[in-house]
Structures are given as structure tokens and as C-alpha cells.
Amino acid sequence: MAGKRPGDAPAGDTAAKRARTAARRQKTTVSARLRRSETKHDTYVVRVGASRVVATVTARPAVARRWVFSTRWRHGRRLRSGAGLTVAMGVQWTPPSRALAGGAEPRPGTLQLCVGSRCLVFQVAQGNAVPAALRRFLADGGVAAFVGYGIRSDCRKLAAHHGLHVACTRELRAVTGMGSASMARMAEELLGLAGIKKPAAVGRSRWDAPKLSKKQVKYACVDAFLSHRLGVHVGAAPPSTSSSDSA
């Protein structure tokens, strides 16, 4: 039997490396299905690999307000402890057909938020108002850190068209230390979720439409879910506060 050359990796290490490489090459399955359609909102179930996400899609301020209240209630113990939440935030908009005058910001079509396995896709372009509960949620820097890819640009759009202020933000490109890497690459490198695609045609679609397509819901929800997972992975959180400050 031939002798082992100096510097050769042990057989076990080589096998483990090959297994990790094979796992990374295996594409992550992503799917979406409509679970329930009601007058005021639709409920979708989106699966990203082994994870199941429930998405509420609505243009009704009352439904968005209820989602915020439910989120605060579900995570009440954490909020009372002053630890705060990591919340993914993203905005989708329809790219204008021509340059906007004076460098104006495009109008947001949707605002999506995600905490754990729950997402909200709020159709702000169709809604007649942004509920006060959502405004307070975004503006309270002691309650949540909002994490996203290109989040400063999203905040400018929300401020310009809806007067929304997001107090505590974390940019994924900064907190992950991966610079200009795509979200898909971040998900693969940091979360082991390989092969997730964000179709460009869906990203350029009509996000101000009265009814979002299943492809649009999946696109927005996957974006928010990955942002949340990445934010939690790197420990993006608001500054610690006392329980009285976060009540």
C-alpha cells in the first residue's frame, strides 16, 4: 500500500469535507400555498427548506395593527425583560418607467415584517392609512431592531411617502461582514440554505397591485424570513433596556 504523503488530510476529514460540500450544493426547496382567503386578508404558508412560515397579506390597517399587537403579546416576556426583538423589515416597490424628478423616492408597494415564523406583508400602496400601532412599533428603538438588506433605502421610501420613522436599524451587509454579497449568498454561507433564487421578473412586478400573486407573496416572505434568520444569526438586536422602558 502506498505511503501517505506529508500534508495529506486524514480520510475522515476528507469525507466530512465532501459531505459538507455536497450539502451546500443541494438546493433549498422553497414553496408557497394559499391556506385561507378572507375579505380582509389572505393567509399563506411559505416553506423554506425545513422551516414553515405563516404570512398574513393585507391592505387593511386593522389587520396590520392586529399583527403588531399579536407580535408584542407573543414576545411579551422578552420585551418585558428589556432584551428586545430582532425584526426583519423590507419594502417592495414597482421600478418607475423613467427617472423620478429631483431624485424622489419610488412609492413603496408593500412593507413586510418577519419575526420567527410569522410574516406580515402590508400592502401600503393599497391601504388608506398606516395604523398608529405599526408607527409606534417602528419608531420605538427599545422594542426592536429592524434588520434588512438595503434597509436605509427602504426607510427613506417609507419616510418620504408615509412619514414613517424607523428608530433602530441594522444593515445586513454590515452586520454579517459580507459587504456587497447577495442575500442568497449570505443564506448559503451563514445559514446553510443553498440555491435560493429571487427572480428578477418578480422583483420588477407590480407591487402596488390590488391583489398580489402567489409568486410575489413568496418573494416578499422569503426575503423577510431570510433577513430575520440572518439577523438572529449575527445577534442583531436593539440596545438593552430596562423593563419599564420597553413596556
C-alpha atoms as a PDB file:
ATOM      1  CA  MET A   1       0.000   0.000   0.000  1.00  0.00           C
ATOM      2  CA  ALA A   2       1.344   3.406  -0.943  1.00  0.00           C
ATOM      3  CA  GLY A   3       2.507   5.540   1.951  1.00  0.00           C
ATOM      4  CA  LYS A   4       0.686   8.722   2.897  1.00  0.00           C
ATOM      5  CA  ARG A   5       2.338  11.870   1.631  1.00  0.00           C
ATOM      6  CA  PRO A   6       3.174  14.629   4.104  1.00  0.00           C
ATOM      7  CA  GLY A   7       0.310  17.119   4.411  1.00  0.00           C
ATOM      8  CA  ASP A   8      -2.397  14.672   3.316  1.00  0.00           C
ATOM      9  CA  ALA A   9      -5.658  15.179   5.240  1.00  0.00           C
ATOM     10  CA  PRO A  10      -6.949  12.240   7.291  1.00  0.00           C
ATOM     11  CA  ALA A  11      -9.525  10.172   5.441  1.00  0.00           C
ATOM     12  CA  GLY A  12     -12.219  11.111   7.958  1.00  0.00           C
ATOM     13  CA  ASP A  13     -11.619  14.840   7.478  1.00  0.00           C
ATOM     14  CA  THR A  14     -11.772  14.470   3.698  1.00  0.00           C
ATOM     15  CA  ALA A  15     -15.064  12.570   3.870  1.00  0.00           C
ATOM     16  CA  ALA A  16     -16.576  15.168   6.189  1.00  0.00           C
ATOM     17  CA  LYS A  17     -15.485  17.975   3.886  1.00  0.00           C
ATOM     18  CA  ARG A  18     -17.045  16.229   0.903  1.00  0.00           C
ATOM     19  CA  ALA A  19     -20.286  15.766   2.837  1.00  0.00           C
ATOM     20  CA  ARG A  20     -20.422  19.463   3.731  1.00  0.00           C
ATOM     21  CA  THR A  21     -19.745  20.450   0.122  1.00  0.00           C
ATOM     22  CA  ALA A  22     -22.496  18.136  -1.130  1.00  0.00           C
ATOM     23  CA  ALA A  23     -24.951  19.542   1.407  1.00  0.00           C
ATOM     24  CA  ARG A  24     -24.201  23.092   0.310  1.00  0.00           C
ATOM     25  CA  ARG A  25     -24.762  22.200  -3.320  1.00  0.00           C
ATOM     26  CA  GLN A  26     -28.196  20.748  -2.570  1.00  0.00           C
ATOM     27  CA  LYS A  27     -30.762  23.393  -3.387  1.00  0.00           C
ATOM     28  CA  THR A  28     -33.145  24.558  -0.701  1.00  0.00           C
ATOM     29  CA  THR A  29     -36.767  23.848  -1.554  1.00  0.00           C
ATOM     30  CA  VAL A  30     -39.000  26.936  -1.448  1.00  0.00           C
ATOM     31  CA  SER A  31     -42.773  26.822  -1.891  1.00  0.00           C
ATOM     32  CA  ALA A  32     -45.901  28.819  -1.112  1.00  0.00           C
ATOM     33  CA  ARG A  33     -49.575  27.953  -0.903  1.00  0.00           C
ATOM     34  CA  LEU A  34     -52.698  29.905  -0.081  1.00  0.00           C
ATOM     35  CA  ARG A  35     -54.117  28.499   3.149  1.00  0.00           C
ATOM     36  CA  ARG A  36     -57.073  30.817   3.560  1.00  0.00           C
ATOM     37  CA  SER A  37     -58.566  33.804   1.725  1.00  0.00           C
ATOM     38  CA  GLU A  38     -60.813  36.192   3.619  1.00  0.00           C
ATOM     39  CA  THR A  39     -62.371  39.556   2.885  1.00  0.00           C
ATOM     40  CA  LYS A  40     -59.719  41.500   4.762  1.00  0.00           C
ATOM     41  CA  HIS A  41     -56.615  39.377   4.267  1.00  0.00           C
ATOM     42  CA  ASP A  42     -55.042  36.262   2.797  1.00  0.00           C
ATOM     43  CA  THR A  43     -53.015  33.724   4.748  1.00  0.00           C
ATOM     44  CA  TYR A  44     -50.184  31.892   3.016  1.00  0.00           C
ATOM     45  CA  VAL A  45     -47.911  29.113   4.177  1.00  0.00           C
ATOM     46  CA  VAL A  46     -44.394  29.529   2.815  1.00  0.00           C
ATOM     47  CA  ARG A  47     -41.799  26.799   3.260  1.00  0.00           C
ATOM     48  CA  VAL A  48     -38.078  27.488   3.116  1.00  0.00           C
ATOM     49  CA  GLY A  49     -36.274  24.198   3.479  1.00  0.00           C
ATOM     50  CA  ALA A  50     -37.494  22.659   6.730  1.00  0.00           C
ATOM     51  CA  SER A  51     -38.936  25.949   8.017  1.00  0.00           C
ATOM     52  CA  ARG A  52     -42.626  26.831   7.815  1.00  0.00           C
ATOM     53  CA  VAL A  53     -43.637  30.493   7.718  1.00  0.00           C
ATOM     54  CA  VAL A  54     -47.185  31.833   8.026  1.00  0.00           C
ATOM     55  CA  ALA A  55     -47.667  35.054   6.068  1.00  0.00           C
ATOM     56  CA  THR A  56     -50.535  37.489   6.538  1.00  0.00           C
ATOM     57  CA  VAL A  57     -51.120  39.536   3.370  1.00  0.00           C
ATOM     58  CA  THR A  58     -53.376  42.565   3.718  1.00  0.00           C
ATOM     59  CA  ALA A  59     -54.128  46.141   2.720  1.00  0.00           C
ATOM     60  CA  ARG A  60     -56.287  46.694   5.813  1.00  0.00           C
ATOM     61  CA  PRO A  61     -54.738  48.803   8.592  1.00  0.00           C
ATOM     62  CA  ALA A  62     -56.801  46.930  11.201  1.00  0.00           C
ATOM     63  CA  VAL A  63     -55.237  43.596  10.197  1.00  0.00           C
ATOM     64  CA  ALA A  64     -51.731  45.096  10.292  1.00  0.00           C
ATOM     65  CA  ARG A  65     -52.482  46.555  13.723  1.00  0.00           C
ATOM     66  CA  ARG A  66     -53.651  43.158  14.989  1.00  0.00           C
ATOM     67  CA  TRP A  67     -50.439  41.544  13.695  1.00  0.00           C
ATOM     68  CA  VAL A  68     -48.352  44.064  15.655  1.00  0.00           C
ATOM     69  CA  PHE A  69     -50.377  43.542  18.846  1.00  0.00           C
ATOM     70  CA  SER A  70     -50.114  39.764  18.450  1.00  0.00           C
ATOM     71  CA  THR A  71     -46.347  40.001  17.972  1.00  0.00           C
ATOM     72  CA  ARG A  72     -45.963  42.080  21.126  1.00  0.00           C
ATOM     73  CA  TRP A  73     -48.133  39.632  23.076  1.00  0.00           C
ATOM     74  CA  ARG A  74     -46.294  36.529  21.822  1.00  0.00           C
ATOM     75  CA  HIS A  75     -42.940  38.005  22.789  1.00  0.00           C
ATOM     76  CA  GLY A  76     -44.150  39.855  25.887  1.00  0.00           C
ATOM     77  CA  ARG A  77     -41.773  38.134  28.299  1.00  0.00           C
ATOM     78  CA  ARG A  78     -38.771  39.009  26.153  1.00  0.00           C
ATOM     79  CA  LEU A  79     -39.913  42.601  25.762  1.00  0.00           C
ATOM     80  CA  ARG A  80     -40.527  42.988  29.499  1.00  0.00           C
ATOM     81  CA  SER A  81     -37.017  41.710  30.176  1.00  0.00           C
ATOM     82  CA  GLY A  82     -35.618  44.540  28.060  1.00  0.00           C
ATOM     83  CA  ALA A  83     -33.956  42.188  25.576  1.00  0.00           C
ATOM     84  CA  GLY A  84     -35.955  43.446  22.607  1.00  0.00           C
ATOM     85  CA  LEU A  85     -36.738  41.738  19.315  1.00  0.00           C
ATOM     86  CA  THR A  86     -34.943  41.198  16.044  1.00  0.00           C
ATOM     87  CA  VAL A  87     -37.475  42.020  13.319  1.00  0.00           C
ATOM     88  CA  ALA A  88     -36.841  41.689   9.605  1.00  0.00           C
ATOM     89  CA  MET A  89     -38.067  44.597   7.509  1.00  0.00           C
ATOM     90  CA  GLY A  90     -38.238  45.060   3.768  1.00  0.00           C
ATOM     91  CA  VAL A  91     -40.001  47.175   1.171  1.00  0.00           C
ATOM     92  CA  GLN A  92     -41.017  46.187  -2.335  1.00  0.00           C
ATOM     93  CA  TRP A  93     -41.832  48.741  -4.999  1.00  0.00           C
ATOM     94  CA  THR A  94     -42.510  48.868  -8.707  1.00  0.00           C
ATOM     95  CA  PRO A  95     -39.476  50.342 -10.515  1.00  0.00           C
ATOM     96  CA  PRO A  96     -40.562  53.563 -12.276  1.00  0.00           C
ATOM     97  CA  SER A  97     -40.576  53.545 -16.068  1.00  0.00           C
ATOM     98  CA  ARG A  98     -38.471  56.714 -16.063  1.00  0.00           C
ATOM     99  CA  ALA A  99     -36.265  58.603 -13.635  1.00  0.00           C
ATOM    100  CA  LEU A 100     -38.164  60.465 -10.940  1.00  0.00           C
ATOM    101  CA  ALA A 101     -37.729  64.226 -10.775  1.00  0.00           C
ATOM    102  CA  GLY A 102     -35.349  65.613  -8.190  1.00  0.00           C
ATOM    103  CA  GLY A 103     -34.172  62.211  -7.039  1.00  0.00           C
ATOM    104  CA  ALA A 104     -37.552  61.425  -5.494  1.00  0.00           C
ATOM    105  CA  GLU A 105     -38.010  58.051  -3.846  1.00  0.00           C
ATOM    106  CA  PRO A 106     -40.250  55.447  -5.538  1.00  0.00           C
ATOM    107  CA  ARG A 107     -43.526  54.806  -3.739  1.00  0.00           C
ATOM    108  CA  PRO A 108     -43.497  51.607  -1.650  1.00  0.00           C
ATOM    109  CA  GLY A 109     -45.921  48.913  -2.722  1.00  0.00           C
ATOM    110  CA  THR A 110     -45.522  46.657   0.299  1.00  0.00           C
ATOM    111  CA  LEU A 111     -43.922  46.694   3.712  1.00  0.00           C
ATOM    112  CA  GLN A 112     -43.018  43.268   5.023  1.00  0.00           C
ATOM    113  CA  LEU A 113     -42.047  42.342   8.568  1.00  0.00           C
ATOM    114  CA  CYS A 114     -40.993  38.973   9.943  1.00  0.00           C
ATOM    115  CA  VAL A 115     -40.467  37.672  13.477  1.00  0.00           C
ATOM    116  CA  GLY A 116     -39.737  33.976  13.836  1.00  0.00           C
ATOM    117  CA  SER A 117     -42.207  32.021  11.723  1.00  0.00           C
ATOM    118  CA  ARG A 118     -44.707  34.879  11.250  1.00  0.00           C
ATOM    119  CA  CYS A 119     -44.615  37.418   8.446  1.00  0.00           C
ATOM    120  CA  LEU A 120     -46.747  40.435   7.626  1.00  0.00           C
ATOM    121  CA  VAL A 121     -46.976  41.664   4.034  1.00  0.00           C
ATOM    122  CA  PHE A 122     -48.761  45.014   4.357  1.00  0.00           C
ATOM    123  CA  GLN A 123     -49.891  46.497   1.041  1.00  0.00           C
ATOM    124  CA  VAL A 124     -49.188  50.116   1.931  1.00  0.00           C
ATOM    125  CA  ALA A 125     -49.878  51.291  -1.632  1.00  0.00           C
ATOM    126  CA  GLN A 126     -53.438  49.978  -1.326  1.00  0.00           C
ATOM    127  CA  GLY A 127     -54.079  50.779   2.314  1.00  0.00           C
ATOM    128  CA  ASN A 128     -55.741  54.060   3.219  1.00  0.00           C
ATOM    129  CA  ALA A 129     -53.559  54.560   6.300  1.00  0.00           C
ATOM    130  CA  VAL A 130     -50.703  53.165   8.351  1.00  0.00           C
ATOM    131  CA  PRO A 131     -52.033  52.198  11.793  1.00  0.00           C
ATOM    132  CA  ALA A 132     -50.672  54.047  14.807  1.00  0.00           C
ATOM    133  CA  ALA A 133     -49.637  50.755  16.420  1.00  0.00           C
ATOM    134  CA  LEU A 134     -47.360  49.995  13.477  1.00  0.00           C
ATOM    135  CA  ARG A 135     -45.930  53.521  13.524  1.00  0.00           C
ATOM    136  CA  ARG A 136     -45.097  53.190  17.222  1.00  0.00           C
ATOM    137  CA  PHE A 137     -43.620  49.726  16.712  1.00  0.00           C
ATOM    138  CA  LEU A 138     -41.222  51.011  14.051  1.00  0.00           C
ATOM    139  CA  ALA A 139     -40.333  54.146  15.994  1.00  0.00           C
ATOM    140  CA  ASP A 140     -39.572  52.508  19.358  1.00  0.00           C
ATOM    141  CA  GLY A 141     -35.845  51.797  19.342  1.00  0.00           C
ATOM    142  CA  GLY A 142     -36.047  49.981  22.670  1.00  0.00           C
ATOM    143  CA  VAL A 143     -38.506  47.363  21.425  1.00  0.00           C
ATOM    144  CA  ALA A 144     -36.975  46.070  18.216  1.00  0.00           C
ATOM    145  CA  ALA A 145     -34.014  46.235  15.888  1.00  0.00           C
ATOM    146  CA  PHE A 146     -35.190  46.176  12.282  1.00  0.00           C
ATOM    147  CA  VAL A 147     -32.789  44.311  10.043  1.00  0.00           C
ATOM    148  CA  GLY A 148     -32.770  44.185   6.265  1.00  0.00           C
ATOM    149  CA  TYR A 149     -30.810  44.276   3.045  1.00  0.00           C
ATOM    150  CA  GLY A 150     -30.577  47.880   1.841  1.00  0.00           C
ATOM    151  CA  ILE A 151     -32.637  48.959   4.815  1.00  0.00           C
ATOM    152  CA  ARG A 152     -31.637  52.627   4.705  1.00  0.00           C
ATOM    153  CA  SER A 153     -33.083  52.927   1.212  1.00  0.00           C
ATOM    154  CA  ASP A 154     -36.283  51.266   2.424  1.00  0.00           C
ATOM    155  CA  CYS A 155     -36.500  53.690   5.338  1.00  0.00           C
ATOM    156  CA  ARG A 156     -36.173  56.682   3.008  1.00  0.00           C
ATOM    157  CA  LYS A 157     -39.107  55.448   0.927  1.00  0.00           C
ATOM    158  CA  LEU A 158     -41.276  54.889   3.988  1.00  0.00           C
ATOM    159  CA  ALA A 159     -40.408  58.322   5.367  1.00  0.00           C
ATOM    160  CA  ALA A 160     -40.979  60.136   2.064  1.00  0.00           C
ATOM    161  CA  HIS A 161     -44.378  58.633   1.295  1.00  0.00           C
ATOM    162  CA  HIS A 162     -45.837  57.644   4.665  1.00  0.00           C
ATOM    163  CA  GLY A 163     -43.981  59.727   7.237  1.00  0.00           C
ATOM    164  CA  LEU A 164     -42.708  56.588   8.960  1.00  0.00           C
ATOM    165  CA  HIS A 165     -39.651  56.696  11.203  1.00  0.00           C
ATOM    166  CA  VAL A 166     -37.692  53.505  11.903  1.00  0.00           C
ATOM    167  CA  ALA A 167     -35.663  54.126  15.045  1.00  0.00           C
ATOM    168  CA  CYS A 168     -33.264  51.185  15.232  1.00  0.00           C
ATOM    169  CA  THR A 169     -31.973  49.600  12.031  1.00  0.00           C
ATOM    170  CA  ARG A 170     -29.307  47.042  11.207  1.00  0.00           C
ATOM    171  CA  GLU A 171     -27.962  46.671   7.671  1.00  0.00           C
ATOM    172  CA  LEU A 172     -27.357  43.024   6.775  1.00  0.00           C
ATOM    173  CA  ARG A 173     -24.388  43.831   4.574  1.00  0.00           C
ATOM    174  CA  ALA A 174     -22.694  45.422   7.581  1.00  0.00           C
ATOM    175  CA  VAL A 175     -23.671  43.116  10.448  1.00  0.00           C
ATOM    176  CA  THR A 176     -22.821  39.946   8.512  1.00  0.00           C
ATOM    177  CA  GLY A 177     -19.469  41.372   7.427  1.00  0.00           C
ATOM    178  CA  MET A 178     -20.161  40.152   3.875  1.00  0.00           C
ATOM    179  CA  GLY A 179     -20.242  43.556   2.182  1.00  0.00           C
ATOM    180  CA  SER A 180     -21.939  43.529  -1.215  1.00  0.00           C
ATOM    181  CA  ALA A 181     -22.675  39.784  -1.211  1.00  0.00           C
ATOM    182  CA  SER A 182     -26.209  38.895  -2.262  1.00  0.00           C
ATOM    183  CA  MET A 183     -28.744  37.741   0.287  1.00  0.00           C
ATOM    184  CA  ALA A 184     -28.737  34.339  -1.410  1.00  0.00           C
ATOM    185  CA  ARG A 185     -25.015  34.013  -0.780  1.00  0.00           C
ATOM    186  CA  MET A 186     -25.406  35.129   2.831  1.00  0.00           C
ATOM    187  CA  ALA A 187     -28.090  32.494   3.327  1.00  0.00           C
ATOM    188  CA  GLU A 188     -25.852  29.810   1.865  1.00  0.00           C
ATOM    189  CA  GLU A 189     -22.676  30.769   3.706  1.00  0.00           C
ATOM    190  CA  LEU A 190     -24.181  31.567   7.113  1.00  0.00           C
ATOM    191  CA  LEU A 191     -27.382  29.515   7.277  1.00  0.00           C
ATOM    192  CA  GLY A 192     -26.563  26.578   5.014  1.00  0.00           C
ATOM    193  CA  LEU A 193     -29.561  27.362   2.776  1.00  0.00           C
ATOM    194  CA  ALA A 194     -28.218  26.895  -0.736  1.00  0.00           C
ATOM    195  CA  GLY A 195     -29.685  27.729  -4.112  1.00  0.00           C
ATOM    196  CA  ILE A 196     -32.396  30.176  -3.055  1.00  0.00           C
ATOM    197  CA  LYS A 197     -33.390  32.332  -6.019  1.00  0.00           C
ATOM    198  CA  LYS A 198     -35.014  35.760  -6.117  1.00  0.00           C
ATOM    199  CA  PRO A 199     -36.480  36.012  -9.656  1.00  0.00           C
ATOM    200  CA  ALA A 200     -35.722  39.425 -11.144  1.00  0.00           C
ATOM    201  CA  ALA A 201     -39.033  39.474 -13.027  1.00  0.00           C
ATOM    202  CA  VAL A 202     -40.951  39.153  -9.758  1.00  0.00           C
ATOM    203  CA  GLY A 203     -38.851  41.878  -8.158  1.00  0.00           C
ATOM    204  CA  ARG A 204     -39.810  44.237 -11.014  1.00  0.00           C
ATOM    205  CA  SER A 205     -43.511  43.354 -10.941  1.00  0.00           C
ATOM    206  CA  ARG A 206     -46.475  45.498  -9.880  1.00  0.00           C
ATOM    207  CA  TRP A 207     -46.187  45.647  -6.124  1.00  0.00           C
ATOM    208  CA  ASP A 208     -48.951  48.250  -5.969  1.00  0.00           C
ATOM    209  CA  ALA A 209     -51.479  45.799  -7.444  1.00  0.00           C
ATOM    210  CA  PRO A 210     -54.759  45.335  -5.528  1.00  0.00           C
ATOM    211  CA  LYS A 211     -54.100  41.598  -5.316  1.00  0.00           C
ATOM    212  CA  LEU A 212     -50.597  40.171  -5.001  1.00  0.00           C
ATOM    213  CA  SER A 213     -49.758  36.969  -6.849  1.00  0.00           C
ATOM    214  CA  LYS A 214     -48.516  33.845  -5.102  1.00  0.00           C
ATOM    215  CA  LYS A 215     -45.086  34.467  -6.650  1.00  0.00           C
ATOM    216  CA  GLN A 216     -44.998  37.960  -5.169  1.00  0.00           C
ATOM    217  CA  VAL A 217     -46.020  36.728  -1.731  1.00  0.00           C
ATOM    218  CA  LYS A 218     -43.352  34.034  -1.831  1.00  0.00           C
ATOM    219  CA  TYR A 219     -40.713  36.561  -2.959  1.00  0.00           C
ATOM    220  CA  ALA A 220     -41.544  39.068  -0.203  1.00  0.00           C
ATOM    221  CA  CYS A 221     -41.899  36.432   2.506  1.00  0.00           C
ATOM    222  CA  VAL A 222     -38.662  34.613   1.663  1.00  0.00           C
ATOM    223  CA  ASP A 223     -36.833  37.950   1.657  1.00  0.00           C
ATOM    224  CA  ALA A 224     -38.181  38.811   5.112  1.00  0.00           C
ATOM    225  CA  PHE A 225     -37.660  35.321   6.538  1.00  0.00           C
ATOM    226  CA  LEU A 226     -34.027  35.164   5.417  1.00  0.00           C
ATOM    227  CA  SER A 227     -33.396  38.660   6.775  1.00  0.00           C
ATOM    228  CA  HIS A 228     -34.749  37.598  10.148  1.00  0.00           C
ATOM    229  CA  ARG A 229     -32.739  34.382  10.261  1.00  0.00           C
ATOM    230  CA  LEU A 230     -29.568  36.242   9.287  1.00  0.00           C
ATOM    231  CA  GLY A 231     -30.237  38.977  11.839  1.00  0.00           C
ATOM    232  CA  VAL A 232     -30.708  36.436  14.625  1.00  0.00           C
ATOM    233  CA  HIS A 233     -27.641  34.508  13.466  1.00  0.00           C
ATOM    234  CA  VAL A 234     -25.358  37.531  13.860  1.00  0.00           C
ATOM    235  CA  GLY A 235     -27.061  38.801  17.009  1.00  0.00           C
ATOM    236  CA  ALA A 236     -28.627  41.966  15.591  1.00  0.00           C
ATOM    237  CA  ALA A 237     -30.727  43.333  18.457  1.00  0.00           C
ATOM    238  CA  PRO A 238     -31.776  46.690  19.901  1.00  0.00           C
ATOM    239  CA  PRO A 239     -29.857  48.222  22.794  1.00  0.00           C
ATOM    240  CA  SER A 240     -30.804  46.523  26.058  1.00  0.00           C
ATOM    241  CA  THR A 241     -33.369  48.493  28.030  1.00  0.00           C
ATOM    242  CA  SER A 242     -34.997  48.230  31.421  1.00  0.00           C
ATOM    243  CA  SER A 243     -38.403  46.593  31.677  1.00  0.00           C
ATOM    244  CA  SER A 244     -40.024  49.962  32.325  1.00  0.00           C
ATOM    245  CA  ASP A 245     -38.575  51.392  29.135  1.00  0.00           C
ATOM    246  CA  SER A 246     -39.790  48.519  26.989  1.00  0.00           C
ATOM    247  CA  ALA A 247     -43.294  48.206  28.401  1.00  0.00           C
END
